[in-house]
Each structure stands twice: as C-alpha cells, then as structure tokens.
Amino acid sequence: ERVLFERPIGKNQGVQFPIARAYAQMRAAELMVHEATRRYEAG
C-alpha cells in the first residue's frame, strides 16, 4: 500500500527480501514446533 517515488515500496528488493527471509525463517521454526508436538503426542 505504501507508495513512495511513485511506486509501492514492496516493489523494492530491499523491502521484499527481509520479508521473504522472515517468512522462510518462520516456516522452518513452525515445522520444529509441529515436530515437537508430534513427539509429545506420541509419548
């Protein structure tokens, strides 16, 4: 939504890349949470 220099800032890789990296990091951590719950429930 945020427009600067007549373009959304999300077009800039300097803005995109940190968001994409945070997403990848979250997904990896989410898998470990799922693995911990799976082992917990399996006893």
ModelCIF file with pLDDT and N, C-alpha, C, O atoms, coordinates in Angstrom:
data_MODEL
#
_entry.id   MODEL 
#
_entity.id                         1 
_entity.type                       polymer 
_entity.pdbx_number_of_molecules   1 
#
_entity_poly.entity_id                      1 
_entity_poly.type                           'polypeptide(L)' 
_entity_poly.nstd_linkage                   no 
_entity_poly.nstd_monomer                   no 
_entity_poly.pdbx_seq_one_letter_code       ERVLFERPIGKNQGVQFPIARAYAQMRAAELMVHEATRRYEAG 
_entity_poly.pdbx_seq_one_letter_code_can   ERVLFERPIGKNQGVQFPIARAYAQMRAAELMVHEATRRYEAG 
_entity_poly.pdbx_strand_id                 A 
#
loop_
_entity_poly_seq.entity_id 
_entity_poly_seq.num 
_entity_poly_seq.mon_id 
_entity_poly_seq.hetero 
1 1  GLU n 
1 2  ARG n 
1 3  VAL n 
1 4  LEU n 
1 5  PHE n 
1 6  GLU n 
1 7  ARG n 
1 8  PRO n 
1 9  ILE n 
1 10 GLY n 
1 11 LYS n 
1 12 ASN n 
1 13 GLN n 
1 14 GLY n 
1 15 VAL n 
1 16 GLN n 
1 17 PHE n 
1 18 PRO n 
1 19 ILE n 
1 20 ALA n 
1 21 ARG n 
1 22 ALA n 
1 23 TYR n 
1 24 ALA n 
1 25 GLN n 
1 26 MET n 
1 27 ARG n 
1 28 ALA n 
1 29 ALA n 
1 30 GLU n 
1 31 LEU n 
1 32 MET n 
1 33 VAL n 
1 34 HIS n 
1 35 GLU n 
1 36 ALA n 
1 37 THR n 
1 38 ARG n 
1 39 ARG n 
1 40 TYR n 
1 41 GLU n 
1 42 ALA n 
1 43 GLY n 
#
_struct_asym.id          A 
_struct_asym.entity_id   1 
#
loop_
_ma_qa_metric.id 
_ma_qa_metric.mode 
_ma_qa_metric.name 
_ma_qa_metric.software_group_id 
_ma_qa_metric.type 
1 global pLDDT . pLDDT 
2 local  pLDDT . pLDDT 
#
_ma_qa_metric_global.metric_id      1 
_ma_qa_metric_global.metric_value   97.67 
_ma_qa_metric_global.model_id       1 
_ma_qa_metric_global.ordinal_id     1 
#
loop_
_ma_qa_metric_local.label_asym_id 
_ma_qa_metric_local.label_comp_id 
_ma_qa_metric_local.label_seq_id 
_ma_qa_metric_local.metric_id 
_ma_qa_metric_local.metric_value 
_ma_qa_metric_local.model_id 
_ma_qa_metric_local.ordinal_id 
A GLU 1  2 98.00 1 1  
A ARG 2  2 98.00 1 2  
A VAL 3  2 98.00 1 3  
A LEU 4  2 97.00 1 4  
A PHE 5  2 97.00 1 5  
A GLU 6  2 97.00 1 6  
A ARG 7  2 97.00 1 7  
A PRO 8  2 98.00 1 8  
A ILE 9  2 98.00 1 9  
A GLY 10 2 98.00 1 10 
A LYS 11 2 98.00 1 11 
A ASN 12 2 98.00 1 12 
A GLN 13 2 98.00 1 13 
A GLY 14 2 98.00 1 14 
A VAL 15 2 98.00 1 15 
A GLN 16 2 98.00 1 16 
A PHE 17 2 98.00 1 17 
A PRO 18 2 98.00 1 18 
A ILE 19 2 99.00 1 19 
A ALA 20 2 98.00 1 20 
A ARG 21 2 98.00 1 21 
A ALA 22 2 98.00 1 22 
A TYR 23 2 98.00 1 23 
A ALA 24 2 98.00 1 24 
A GLN 25 2 98.00 1 25 
A MET 26 2 98.00 1 26 
A ARG 27 2 98.00 1 27 
A ALA 28 2 98.00 1 28 
A ALA 29 2 98.00 1 29 
A GLU 30 2 98.00 1 30 
A LEU 31 2 98.00 1 31 
A MET 32 2 98.00 1 32 
A VAL 33 2 98.00 1 33 
A HIS 34 2 98.00 1 34 
A GLU 35 2 98.00 1 35 
A ALA 36 2 98.00 1 36 
A THR 37 2 97.00 1 37 
A ARG 38 2 97.00 1 38 
A ARG 39 2 97.00 1 39 
A TYR 40 2 96.00 1 40 
A GLU 41 2 96.00 1 41 
A ALA 42 2 97.00 1 42 
A GLY 43 2 95.00 1 43 
#
loop_
_atom_site.group_PDB 
_atom_site.id 
_atom_site.type_symbol 
_atom_site.label_atom_id 
_atom_site.label_alt_id 
_atom_site.label_comp_id 
_atom_site.label_asym_id 
_atom_site.label_entity_id 
_atom_site.label_seq_id 
_atom_site.pdbx_PDB_ins_code 
_atom_site.Cartn_x 
_atom_site.Cartn_y 
_atom_site.Cartn_z 
_atom_site.occupancy 
_atom_site.B_iso_or_equiv 
_atom_site.pdbx_formal_charge 
_atom_site.auth_seq_id 
_atom_site.auth_comp_id 
_atom_site.auth_asym_id 
_atom_site.auth_atom_id 
_atom_site.pdbx_PDB_model_num 
ATOM 1   N N  . GLU A 1 1  ? 0.810  -1.229  0.000  1.00 98.00 ? 1  GLU A N  1 
ATOM 2   C CA . GLU A 1 1  ? 0.000  0.000   0.000  1.00 98.00 ? 1  GLU A CA 1 
ATOM 3   C C  . GLU A 1 1  ? 0.838  1.271   0.000  1.00 98.00 ? 1  GLU A C  1 
ATOM 4   O O  . GLU A 1 1  ? 0.438  2.282   -0.577 1.00 98.00 ? 1  GLU A O  1 
ATOM 5   N N  . ARG A 1 2  ? 1.981  1.223   0.636  1.00 98.00 ? 2  ARG A N  1 
ATOM 6   C CA . ARG A 1 2  ? 2.771  2.435   0.843  1.00 98.00 ? 2  ARG A CA 1 
ATOM 7   C C  . ARG A 1 2  ? 3.476  2.827   -0.454 1.00 98.00 ? 2  ARG A C  1 
ATOM 8   O O  . ARG A 1 2  ? 4.308  2.082   -0.970 1.00 98.00 ? 2  ARG A O  1 
ATOM 9   N N  . VAL A 1 3  ? 3.130  4.011   -0.976 1.00 98.00 ? 3  VAL A N  1 
ATOM 10  C CA . VAL A 1 3  ? 3.708  4.478   -2.241 1.00 98.00 ? 3  VAL A CA 1 
ATOM 11  C C  . VAL A 1 3  ? 4.726  5.580   -1.958 1.00 98.00 ? 3  VAL A C  1 
ATOM 12  O O  . VAL A 1 3  ? 4.422  6.584   -1.314 1.00 98.00 ? 3  VAL A O  1 
ATOM 13  N N  . LEU A 1 4  ? 5.942  5.363   -2.459 1.00 97.00 ? 4  LEU A N  1 
ATOM 14  C CA . LEU A 1 4  ? 6.994  6.368   -2.387 1.00 97.00 ? 4  LEU A CA 1 
ATOM 15  C C  . LEU A 1 4  ? 7.698  6.388   -3.735 1.00 97.00 ? 4  LEU A C  1 
ATOM 16  O O  . LEU A 1 4  ? 7.893  5.340   -4.350 1.00 97.00 ? 4  LEU A O  1 
ATOM 17  N N  . PHE A 1 5  ? 8.079  7.567   -4.195 1.00 97.00 ? 5  PHE A N  1 
ATOM 18  C CA . PHE A 1 5  ? 8.717  7.704   -5.506 1.00 97.00 ? 5  PHE A CA 1 
ATOM 19  C C  . PHE A 1 5  ? 7.848  7.048   -6.591 1.00 97.00 ? 5  PHE A C  1 
ATOM 20  O O  . PHE A 1 5  ? 8.342  6.404   -7.516 1.00 97.00 ? 5  PHE A O  1 
ATOM 21  N N  . GLU A 1 6  ? 6.533  7.243   -6.432 1.00 97.00 ? 6  GLU A N  1 
ATOM 22  C CA . GLU A 1 6  ? 5.539  6.821   -7.428 1.00 97.00 ? 6  GLU A CA 1 
ATOM 23  C C  . GLU A 1 6  ? 5.482  5.316   -7.640 1.00 97.00 ? 6  GLU A C  1 
ATOM 24  O O  . GLU A 1 6  ? 5.114  4.859   -8.723 1.00 97.00 ? 6  GLU A O  1 
ATOM 25  N N  . ARG A 1 7  ? 5.846  4.527   -6.605 1.00 97.00 ? 7  ARG A N  1 
ATOM 26  C CA . ARG A 1 7  ? 5.745  3.070   -6.709 1.00 97.00 ? 7  ARG A CA 1 
ATOM 27  C C  . ARG A 1 7  ? 5.575  2.503   -5.297 1.00 97.00 ? 7  ARG A C  1 
ATOM 28  O O  . ARG A 1 7  ? 6.077  3.077   -4.331 1.00 97.00 ? 7  ARG A O  1 
ATOM 29  N N  . PRO A 1 8  ? 4.860  1.366   -5.180 1.00 98.00 ? 8  PRO A N  1 
ATOM 30  C CA . PRO A 1 8  ? 4.745  0.762   -3.854 1.00 98.00 ? 8  PRO A CA 1 
ATOM 31  C C  . PRO A 1 8  ? 6.130  0.311   -3.373 1.00 98.00 ? 8  PRO A C  1 
ATOM 32  O O  . PRO A 1 8  ? 6.917  -0.229  -4.151 1.00 98.00 ? 8  PRO A O  1 
ATOM 33  N N  . ILE A 1 9  ? 6.413  0.532   -2.111 1.00 98.00 ? 9  ILE A N  1 
ATOM 34  C CA . ILE A 1 9  ? 7.751  0.179   -1.606 1.00 98.00 ? 9  ILE A CA 1 
ATOM 35  C C  . ILE A 1 9  ? 7.997  -1.327  -1.704 1.00 98.00 ? 9  ILE A C  1 
ATOM 36  O O  . ILE A 1 9  ? 9.147  -1.767  -1.715 1.00 98.00 ? 9  ILE A O  1 
ATOM 37  N N  . GLY A 1 10 ? 6.932  -2.112  -1.774 1.00 98.00 ? 10 GLY A N  1 
ATOM 38  C CA . GLY A 1 10 ? 7.068  -3.566  -1.898 1.00 98.00 ? 10 GLY A CA 1 
ATOM 39  C C  . GLY A 1 10 ? 7.671  -4.014  -3.222 1.00 98.00 ? 10 GLY A C  1 
ATOM 40  O O  . GLY A 1 10 ? 8.009  -5.187  -3.385 1.00 98.00 ? 10 GLY A O  1 
ATOM 41  N N  . LYS A 1 11 ? 7.808  -3.085  -4.172 1.00 98.00 ? 11 LYS A N  1 
ATOM 42  C CA . LYS A 1 11 ? 8.472  -3.421  -5.433 1.00 98.00 ? 11 LYS A CA 1 
ATOM 43  C C  . LYS A 1 11 ? 9.991  -3.489  -5.259 1.00 98.00 ? 11 LYS A C  1 
ATOM 44  O O  . LYS A 1 11 ? 10.697 -4.083  -6.074 1.00 98.00 ? 11 LYS A O  1 
ATOM 45  N N  . ASN A 1 12 ? 10.470 -2.878  -4.195 1.00 98.00 ? 12 ASN A N  1 
ATOM 46  C CA . ASN A 1 12 ? 11.914 -2.789  -3.976 1.00 98.00 ? 12 ASN A CA 1 
ATOM 47  C C  . ASN A 1 12 ? 12.430 -4.039  -3.288 1.00 98.00 ? 12 ASN A C  1 
ATOM 48  O O  . ASN A 1 12 ? 11.889 -4.464  -2.267 1.00 98.00 ? 12 ASN A O  1 
ATOM 49  N N  . GLN A 1 13 ? 13.483 -4.629  -3.853 1.00 98.00 ? 13 GLN A N  1 
ATOM 50  C CA . GLN A 1 13 ? 14.014 -5.853  -3.261 1.00 98.00 ? 13 GLN A CA 1 
ATOM 51  C C  . GLN A 1 13 ? 14.545 -5.611  -1.851 1.00 98.00 ? 13 GLN A C  1 
ATOM 52  O O  . GLN A 1 13 ? 14.528 -6.509  -1.010 1.00 98.00 ? 13 GLN A O  1 
ATOM 53  N N  . GLY A 1 14 ? 15.021 -4.382  -1.598 1.00 98.00 ? 14 GLY A N  1 
ATOM 54  C CA . GLY A 1 14 ? 15.493 -4.051  -0.252 1.00 98.00 ? 14 GLY A CA 1 
ATOM 55  C C  . GLY A 1 14 ? 14.382 -4.158  0.783  1.00 98.00 ? 14 GLY A C  1 
ATOM 56  O O  . GLY A 1 14 ? 14.649 -4.348  1.970  1.00 98.00 ? 14 GLY A O  1 
ATOM 57  N N  . VAL A 1 15 ? 13.128 -4.037  0.331  1.00 98.00 ? 15 VAL A N  1 
ATOM 58  C CA . VAL A 1 15 ? 11.972 -4.214  1.213  1.00 98.00 ? 15 VAL A CA 1 
ATOM 59  C C  . VAL A 1 15 ? 11.479 -5.656  1.142  1.00 98.00 ? 15 VAL A C  1 
ATOM 60  O O  . VAL A 1 15 ? 11.127 -6.249  2.161  1.00 98.00 ? 15 VAL A O  1 
ATOM 61  N N  . GLN A 1 16 ? 11.457 -6.216  -0.066 1.00 98.00 ? 16 GLN A N  1 
ATOM 62  C CA . GLN A 1 16 ? 10.951 -7.589  -0.265 1.00 98.00 ? 16 GLN A CA 1 
ATOM 63  C C  . GLN A 1 16 ? 11.774 -8.641  0.478  1.00 98.00 ? 16 GLN A C  1 
ATOM 64  O O  . GLN A 1 16 ? 11.233 -9.507  1.165  1.00 98.00 ? 16 GLN A O  1 
ATOM 65  N N  . PHE A 1 17 ? 13.098 -8.543  0.323  1.00 98.00 ? 17 PHE A N  1 
ATOM 66  C CA . PHE A 1 17 ? 13.951 -9.634  0.792  1.00 98.00 ? 17 PHE A CA 1 
ATOM 67  C C  . PHE A 1 17 ? 13.852 -9.881  2.307  1.00 98.00 ? 17 PHE A C  1 
ATOM 68  O O  . PHE A 1 17 ? 13.743 -11.033 2.726  1.00 98.00 ? 17 PHE A O  1 
ATOM 69  N N  . PRO A 1 18 ? 13.886 -8.830  3.133  1.00 98.00 ? 18 PRO A N  1 
ATOM 70  C CA . PRO A 1 18 ? 13.752 -9.104  4.574  1.00 98.00 ? 18 PRO A CA 1 
ATOM 71  C C  . PRO A 1 18 ? 12.411 -9.768  4.920  1.00 98.00 ? 18 PRO A C  1 
ATOM 72  O O  . PRO A 1 18 ? 12.356 -10.616 5.810  1.00 98.00 ? 18 PRO A O  1 
ATOM 73  N N  . ILE A 1 19 ? 11.333 -9.390  4.224  1.00 99.00 ? 19 ILE A N  1 
ATOM 74  C CA . ILE A 1 19 ? 10.022 -10.008 4.496  1.00 99.00 ? 19 ILE A CA 1 
ATOM 75  C C  . ILE A 1 19 ? 10.063 -11.479 4.079  1.00 99.00 ? 19 ILE A C  1 
ATOM 76  O O  . ILE A 1 19 ? 9.583  -12.351 4.804  1.00 99.00 ? 19 ILE A O  1 
ATOM 77  N N  . ALA A 1 20 ? 10.637 -11.745 2.910  1.00 98.00 ? 20 ALA A N  1 
ATOM 78  C CA . ALA A 1 20 ? 10.719 -13.125 2.413  1.00 98.00 ? 20 ALA A CA 1 
ATOM 79  C C  . ALA A 1 20 ? 11.582 -13.984 3.337  1.00 98.00 ? 20 ALA A C  1 
ATOM 80  O O  . ALA A 1 20 ? 11.257 -15.140 3.609  1.00 98.00 ? 20 ALA A O  1 
ATOM 81  N N  . ARG A 1 21 ? 12.682 -13.404 3.815  1.00 98.00 ? 21 ARG A N  1 
ATOM 82  C CA . ARG A 1 21 ? 13.558 -14.159 4.719  1.00 98.00 ? 21 ARG A CA 1 
ATOM 83  C C  . ARG A 1 21 ? 12.844 -14.452 6.035  1.00 98.00 ? 21 ARG A C  1 
ATOM 84  O O  . ARG A 1 21 ? 12.959 -15.551 6.578  1.00 98.00 ? 21 ARG A O  1 
ATOM 85  N N  . ALA A 1 22 ? 12.111 -13.474 6.543  1.00 98.00 ? 22 ALA A N  1 
ATOM 86  C CA . ALA A 1 22 ? 11.362 -13.685 7.790  1.00 98.00 ? 22 ALA A CA 1 
ATOM 87  C C  . ALA A 1 22 ? 10.325 -14.795 7.607  1.00 98.00 ? 22 ALA A C  1 
ATOM 88  O O  . ALA A 1 22 ? 10.092 -15.596 8.512  1.00 98.00 ? 22 ALA A O  1 
ATOM 89  N N  . TYR A 1 23 ? 9.706  -14.829 6.421  1.00 98.00 ? 23 TYR A N  1 
ATOM 90  C CA . TYR A 1 23 ? 8.712  -15.871 6.140  1.00 98.00 ? 23 TYR A CA 1 
ATOM 91  C C  . TYR A 1 23 ? 9.369  -17.261 6.144  1.00 98.00 ? 23 TYR A C  1 
ATOM 92  O O  . TYR A 1 23 ? 8.852  -18.201 6.747  1.00 98.00 ? 23 TYR A O  1 
ATOM 93  N N  . ALA A 1 24 ? 10.512 -17.368 5.465  1.00 98.00 ? 24 ALA A N  1 
ATOM 94  C CA . ALA A 1 24 ? 11.218 -18.663 5.422  1.00 98.00 ? 24 ALA A CA 1 
ATOM 95  C C  . ALA A 1 24 ? 11.641 -19.100 6.822  1.00 98.00 ? 24 ALA A C  1 
ATOM 96  O O  . ALA A 1 24 ? 11.532 -20.274 7.174  1.00 98.00 ? 24 ALA A O  1 
ATOM 97  N N  . GLN A 1 25 ? 12.124 -18.151 7.614  1.00 98.00 ? 25 GLN A N  1 
ATOM 98  C CA . GLN A 1 25 ? 12.565 -18.463 8.977  1.00 98.00 ? 25 GLN A CA 1 
ATOM 99  C C  . GLN A 1 25 ? 11.374 -18.916 9.825  1.00 98.00 ? 25 GLN A C  1 
ATOM 100 O O  . GLN A 1 25 ? 11.485 -19.858 10.609 1.00 98.00 ? 25 GLN A O  1 
ATOM 101 N N  . MET A 1 26 ? 10.232 -18.238 9.660  1.00 98.00 ? 26 MET A N  1 
ATOM 102 C CA . MET A 1 26 ? 9.024  -18.619 10.399 1.00 98.00 ? 26 MET A CA 1 
ATOM 103 C C  . MET A 1 26 ? 8.582  -20.028 10.023 1.00 98.00 ? 26 MET A C  1 
ATOM 104 O O  . MET A 1 26 ? 8.234  -20.823 10.896 1.00 98.00 ? 26 MET A O  1 
ATOM 105 N N  . ARG A 1 27 ? 8.593  -20.339 8.735  1.00 98.00 ? 27 ARG A N  1 
ATOM 106 C CA . ARG A 1 27 ? 8.137  -21.661 8.288  1.00 98.00 ? 27 ARG A CA 1 
ATOM 107 C C  . ARG A 1 27 ? 9.031  -22.776 8.842  1.00 98.00 ? 27 ARG A C  1 
ATOM 108 O O  . ARG A 1 27 ? 8.543  -23.834 9.239  1.00 98.00 ? 27 ARG A O  1 
ATOM 109 N N  . ALA A 1 28 ? 10.324 -22.529 8.864  1.00 98.00 ? 28 ALA A N  1 
ATOM 110 C CA . ALA A 1 28 ? 11.247 -23.536 9.403  1.00 98.00 ? 28 ALA A CA 1 
ATOM 111 C C  . ALA A 1 28 ? 10.986 -23.763 10.897 1.00 98.00 ? 28 ALA A C  1 
ATOM 112 O O  . ALA A 1 28 ? 10.958 -24.899 11.370 1.00 98.00 ? 28 ALA A O  1 
ATOM 113 N N  . ALA A 1 29 ? 10.795 -22.662 11.625 1.00 98.00 ? 29 ALA A N  1 
ATOM 114 C CA . ALA A 1 29 ? 10.512 -22.779 13.058 1.00 98.00 ? 29 ALA A CA 1 
ATOM 115 C C  . ALA A 1 29 ? 9.176  -23.470 13.288 1.00 98.00 ? 29 ALA A C  1 
ATOM 116 O O  . ALA A 1 29 ? 9.028  -24.262 14.219 1.00 98.00 ? 29 ALA A O  1 
ATOM 117 N N  . GLU A 1 30 ? 8.203  -23.164 12.434 1.00 98.00 ? 30 GLU A N  1 
ATOM 118 C CA . GLU A 1 30 ? 6.871  -23.773 12.546 1.00 98.00 ? 30 GLU A CA 1 
ATOM 119 C C  . GLU A 1 30 ? 6.962  -25.295 12.409 1.00 98.00 ? 30 GLU A C  1 
ATOM 120 O O  . GLU A 1 30 ? 6.276  -26.032 13.117 1.00 98.00 ? 30 GLU A O  1 
ATOM 121 N N  . LEU A 1 31 ? 7.813  -25.754 11.493 1.00 98.00 ? 31 LEU A N  1 
ATOM 122 C CA . LEU A 1 31 ? 7.994  -27.205 11.327 1.00 98.00 ? 31 LEU A CA 1 
ATOM 123 C C  . LEU A 1 31 ? 8.567  -27.834 12.594 1.00 98.00 ? 31 LEU A C  1 
ATOM 124 O O  . LEU A 1 31 ? 8.175  -28.943 12.959 1.00 98.00 ? 31 LEU A O  1 
ATOM 125 N N  . MET A 1 32 ? 9.482  -27.152 13.265 1.00 98.00 ? 32 MET A N  1 
ATOM 126 C CA . MET A 1 32 ? 10.036 -27.687 14.508 1.00 98.00 ? 32 MET A CA 1 
ATOM 127 C C  . MET A 1 32 ? 8.982  -27.711 15.612 1.00 98.00 ? 32 MET A C  1 
ATOM 128 O O  . MET A 1 32 ? 8.963  -28.632 16.428 1.00 98.00 ? 32 MET A O  1 
ATOM 129 N N  . VAL A 1 33 ? 8.109  -26.711 15.643 1.00 98.00 ? 33 VAL A N  1 
ATOM 130 C CA . VAL A 1 33 ? 7.011  -26.726 16.620 1.00 98.00 ? 33 VAL A CA 1 
ATOM 131 C C  . VAL A 1 33 ? 6.105  -27.929 16.347 1.00 98.00 ? 33 VAL A C  1 
ATOM 132 O O  . VAL A 1 33 ? 5.689  -28.622 17.276 1.00 98.00 ? 33 VAL A O  1 
ATOM 133 N N  . HIS A 1 34 ? 5.804  -28.173 15.070 1.00 98.00 ? 34 HIS A N  1 
ATOM 134 C CA . HIS A 1 34 ? 4.973  -29.329 14.717 1.00 98.00 ? 34 HIS A CA 1 
ATOM 135 C C  . HIS A 1 34 ? 5.654  -30.639 15.103 1.00 98.00 ? 34 HIS A C  1 
ATOM 136 O O  . HIS A 1 34 ? 4.996  -31.570 15.568 1.00 98.00 ? 34 HIS A O  1 
ATOM 137 N N  . GLU A 1 35 ? 6.962  -30.711 14.911 1.00 98.00 ? 35 GLU A N  1 
ATOM 138 C CA . GLU A 1 35 ? 7.705  -31.923 15.254 1.00 98.00 ? 35 GLU A CA 1 
ATOM 139 C C  . GLU A 1 35 ? 7.693  -32.152 16.770 1.00 98.00 ? 35 GLU A C  1 
ATOM 140 O O  . GLU A 1 35 ? 7.535  -33.281 17.234 1.00 98.00 ? 35 GLU A O  1 
ATOM 141 N N  . ALA A 1 36 ? 7.859  -31.077 17.528 1.00 98.00 ? 36 ALA A N  1 
ATOM 142 C CA . ALA A 1 36 ? 7.833  -31.201 18.988 1.00 98.00 ? 36 ALA A CA 1 
ATOM 143 C C  . ALA A 1 36 ? 6.458  -31.663 19.464 1.00 98.00 ? 36 ALA A C  1 
ATOM 144 O O  . ALA A 1 36 ? 6.366  -32.518 20.345 1.00 98.00 ? 36 ALA A O  1 
ATOM 145 N N  . THR A 1 37 ? 5.386  -31.106 18.889 1.00 97.00 ? 37 THR A N  1 
ATOM 146 C CA . THR A 1 37 ? 4.039  -31.528 19.299 1.00 97.00 ? 37 THR A CA 1 
ATOM 147 C C  . THR A 1 37 ? 3.784  -32.970 18.884 1.00 97.00 ? 37 THR A C  1 
ATOM 148 O O  . THR A 1 37 ? 3.147  -33.724 19.620 1.00 97.00 ? 37 THR A O  1 
ATOM 149 N N  . ARG A 1 38 ? 4.273  -33.356 17.717 1.00 97.00 ? 38 ARG A N  1 
ATOM 150 C CA . ARG A 1 38 ? 4.072  -34.737 17.251 1.00 97.00 ? 38 ARG A CA 1 
ATOM 151 C C  . ARG A 1 38 ? 4.734  -35.725 18.217 1.00 97.00 ? 38 ARG A C  1 
ATOM 152 O O  . ARG A 1 38 ? 4.138  -36.737 18.585 1.00 97.00 ? 38 ARG A O  1 
ATOM 153 N N  . ARG A 1 39 ? 5.950  -35.427 18.614 1.00 97.00 ? 39 ARG A N  1 
ATOM 154 C CA . ARG A 1 39 ? 6.667  -36.313 19.542 1.00 97.00 ? 39 ARG A CA 1 
ATOM 155 C C  . ARG A 1 39 ? 6.003  -36.313 20.921 1.00 97.00 ? 39 ARG A C  1 
ATOM 156 O O  . ARG A 1 39 ? 5.920  -37.348 21.583 1.00 97.00 ? 39 ARG A O  1 
ATOM 157 N N  . TYR A 1 40 ? 5.539  -35.150 21.336 1.00 96.00 ? 40 TYR A N  1 
ATOM 158 C CA . TYR A 1 40 ? 4.855  -35.034 22.629 1.00 96.00 ? 40 TYR A CA 1 
ATOM 159 C C  . TYR A 1 40 ? 3.614  -35.930 22.637 1.00 96.00 ? 40 TYR A C  1 
ATOM 160 O O  . TYR A 1 40 ? 3.377  -36.676 23.587 1.00 96.00 ? 40 TYR A O  1 
ATOM 161 N N  . GLU A 1 41 ? 2.827  -35.841 21.559 1.00 96.00 ? 41 GLU A N  1 
ATOM 162 C CA . GLU A 1 41 ? 1.575  -36.606 21.497 1.00 96.00 ? 41 GLU A CA 1 
ATOM 163 C C  . GLU A 1 41 ? 1.818  -38.103 21.308 1.00 96.00 ? 41 GLU A C  1 
ATOM 164 O O  . GLU A 1 41 ? 0.975  -38.925 21.666 1.00 96.00 ? 41 GLU A O  1 
ATOM 165 N N  . ALA A 1 42 ? 2.974  -38.449 20.745 1.00 97.00 ? 42 ALA A N  1 
ATOM 166 C CA . ALA A 1 42 ? 3.314  -39.868 20.575 1.00 97.00 ? 42 ALA A CA 1 
ATOM 167 C C  . ALA A 1 42 ? 3.905  -40.453 21.861 1.00 97.00 ? 42 ALA A C  1 
ATOM 168 O O  . ALA A 1 42 ? 4.138  -41.658 21.955 1.00 97.00 ? 42 ALA A O  1 
ATOM 169 N N  . GLY A 1 43 ? 4.143  -39.585 22.849 1.00 95.00 ? 43 GLY A N  1 
ATOM 170 C CA . GLY A 1 43 ? 4.722  -40.058 24.108 1.00 95.00 ? 43 GLY A CA 1 
ATOM 171 C C  . GLY A 1 43 ? 6.221  -40.274 24.038 1.00 95.00 ? 43 GLY A C  1 
ATOM 172 O O  . GLY A 1 43 ? 6.835  -40.671 25.028 1.00 95.00 ? 43 GLY A O  1 
#
